[in-house]
Amino acid sequence: MDKSVIIEKINYFLVDEFEVEQGDIAPDANLKDTLELDSLDFVDLVVAIEANFGVKLVGEDFKDVATLQDFYDLIEHKLA
């Protein structure tokens, strides 16, 4: 899957499902601080990723994920 499609899908459900402001979405946005995602949101995010991309994520996958770019890269890596 093309990275631009990955980014578009992730951005769409961040806005649609998590009510993140479109203006807050940027590659360097911190998932916890800027996008204000809490631990329950991360659980929902894992479910959304599984539903949209068919990949399984575990807590260990998030150890190096701080920014939205890190998250895009994680999903791209999982799909490879």
C-alpha atoms as a PDB file:
ATOM      1  CA  MET A   1       0.000   0.000   0.000  1.00  0.00           C
ATOM      2  CA  ASP A   2       1.274   3.431  -0.925  1.00  0.00           C
ATOM      3  CA  LYS A   3       2.383   5.587   2.012  1.00  0.00           C
ATOM      4  CA  SER A   4       0.116   8.454   0.925  1.00  0.00           C
ATOM      5  CA  VAL A   5      -2.892   6.114   1.206  1.00  0.00           C
ATOM      6  CA  ILE A   6      -1.758   5.050   4.681  1.00  0.00           C
ATOM      7  CA  ILE A   7      -1.436   8.687   5.770  1.00  0.00           C
ATOM      8  CA  GLU A   8      -4.803   9.611   4.264  1.00  0.00           C
ATOM      9  CA  LYS A   9      -6.609   6.735   6.014  1.00  0.00           C
ATOM     10  CA  ILE A  10      -4.973   7.404   9.380  1.00  0.00           C
ATOM     11  CA  ASN A  11      -5.694  11.122   9.183  1.00  0.00           C
ATOM     12  CA  TYR A  12      -9.313  10.432   8.209  1.00  0.00           C
ATOM     13  CA  PHE A  13     -10.079   8.244  11.204  1.00  0.00           C
ATOM     14  CA  LEU A  14      -8.177  10.532  13.578  1.00  0.00           C
ATOM     15  CA  VAL A  15     -10.557  13.323  12.560  1.00  0.00           C
ATOM     16  CA  ASP A  16     -13.666  11.171  12.175  1.00  0.00           C
ATOM     17  CA  GLU A  17     -13.337   8.734  15.077  1.00  0.00           C
ATOM     18  CA  PHE A  18     -11.114  10.573  17.556  1.00  0.00           C
ATOM     19  CA  GLU A  19     -12.319  14.129  16.874  1.00  0.00           C
ATOM     20  CA  VAL A  20      -8.774  15.408  16.338  1.00  0.00           C
ATOM     21  CA  GLU A  21      -8.774  18.844  14.748  1.00  0.00           C
ATOM     22  CA  GLN A  22      -7.596  18.731  11.121  1.00  0.00           C
ATOM     23  CA  GLY A  23      -5.245  21.627  11.872  1.00  0.00           C
ATOM     24  CA  ASP A  24      -3.505  19.606  14.599  1.00  0.00           C
ATOM     25  CA  ILE A  25      -2.582  16.812  12.207  1.00  0.00           C
ATOM     26  CA  ALA A  26       1.060  17.150  11.207  1.00  0.00           C
ATOM     27  CA  PRO A  27       3.854  14.579  10.906  1.00  0.00           C
ATOM     28  CA  ASP A  28       5.658  16.024  13.937  1.00  0.00           C
ATOM     29  CA  ALA A  29       2.508  16.137  16.117  1.00  0.00           C
ATOM     30  CA  ASN A  30       2.966  14.254  19.363  1.00  0.00           C
ATOM     31  CA  LEU A  31       0.236  11.641  19.750  1.00  0.00           C
ATOM     32  CA  LYS A  32      -0.235  12.201  23.477  1.00  0.00           C
ATOM     33  CA  ASP A  33       0.447  15.909  23.854  1.00  0.00           C
ATOM     34  CA  THR A  34      -0.637  17.536  20.593  1.00  0.00           C
ATOM     35  CA  LEU A  35      -3.364  15.115  19.541  1.00  0.00           C
ATOM     36  CA  GLU A  36      -4.411  14.482  23.159  1.00  0.00           C
ATOM     37  CA  LEU A  37      -4.798  10.719  22.755  1.00  0.00           C
ATOM     38  CA  ASP A  38      -5.042   8.891  26.080  1.00  0.00           C
ATOM     39  CA  SER A  39      -4.589   5.204  26.891  1.00  0.00           C
ATOM     40  CA  LEU A  40      -8.197   4.367  26.004  1.00  0.00           C
ATOM     41  CA  ASP A  41      -7.784   6.161  22.683  1.00  0.00           C
ATOM     42  CA  PHE A  42      -4.732   4.013  21.968  1.00  0.00           C
ATOM     43  CA  VAL A  43      -6.844   0.879  22.468  1.00  0.00           C
ATOM     44  CA  ASP A  44      -9.419   2.258  20.031  1.00  0.00           C
ATOM     45  CA  LEU A  45      -6.608   3.215  17.673  1.00  0.00           C
ATOM     46  CA  VAL A  46      -5.317  -0.366  17.655  1.00  0.00           C
ATOM     47  CA  VAL A  47      -8.830  -1.607  16.817  1.00  0.00           C
ATOM     48  CA  ALA A  48      -9.162   0.971  14.028  1.00  0.00           C
ATOM     49  CA  ILE A  49      -5.785  -0.006  12.559  1.00  0.00           C
ATOM     50  CA  GLU A  50      -6.724  -3.677  12.597  1.00  0.00           C
ATOM     51  CA  ALA A  51     -10.058  -2.907  10.900  1.00  0.00           C
ATOM     52  CA  ASN A  52      -8.620  -0.542   8.279  1.00  0.00           C
ATOM     53  CA  PHE A  53      -5.300  -2.185   7.502  1.00  0.00           C
ATOM     54  CA  GLY A  54      -5.646  -5.779   8.689  1.00  0.00           C
ATOM     55  CA  VAL A  55      -2.489  -5.616  10.818  1.00  0.00           C
ATOM     56  CA  LYS A  56      -2.169  -6.577  14.459  1.00  0.00           C
ATOM     57  CA  LEU A  57      -0.523  -4.121  16.845  1.00  0.00           C
ATOM     58  CA  VAL A  58       0.698  -4.849  20.372  1.00  0.00           C
ATOM     59  CA  GLY A  59       1.928  -2.544  23.111  1.00  0.00           C
ATOM     60  CA  GLU A  60       5.549  -3.278  22.217  1.00  0.00           C
ATOM     61  CA  ASP A  61       4.944  -1.770  18.749  1.00  0.00           C
ATOM     62  CA  PHE A  62       4.379   1.624  20.341  1.00  0.00           C
ATOM     63  CA  LYS A  63       7.637   1.794  22.321  1.00  0.00           C
ATOM     64  CA  ASP A  64       9.302   4.013  19.699  1.00  0.00           C
ATOM     65  CA  VAL A  65       6.158   5.850  18.582  1.00  0.00           C
ATOM     66  CA  ALA A  66       5.872   9.424  19.797  1.00  0.00           C
ATOM     67  CA  THR A  67       4.826  11.424  16.738  1.00  0.00           C
ATOM     68  CA  LEU A  68       2.302  10.930  14.006  1.00  0.00           C
ATOM     69  CA  GLN A  69       5.194  10.340  11.564  1.00  0.00           C
ATOM     70  CA  ASP A  70       6.427   7.512  13.805  1.00  0.00           C
ATOM     71  CA  PHE A  71       2.931   6.052  13.670  1.00  0.00           C
ATOM     72  CA  TYR A  72       2.732   6.328   9.854  1.00  0.00           C
ATOM     73  CA  ASP A  73       6.117   4.592   9.634  1.00  0.00           C
ATOM     74  CA  LEU A  74       4.986   1.826  12.009  1.00  0.00           C
ATOM     75  CA  ILE A  75       1.941   1.028   9.905  1.00  0.00           C
ATOM     76  CA  GLU A  76       3.956   1.170   6.683  1.00  0.00           C
ATOM     77  CA  HIS A  77       6.494  -1.239   8.232  1.00  0.00           C
ATOM     78  CA  LYS A  78       3.743  -3.615   9.401  1.00  0.00           C
ATOM     79  CA  LEU A  79       2.242  -3.684   5.908  1.00  0.00           C
ATOM     80  CA  ALA A  80       5.575  -4.411   4.225  1.00  0.00           C
END
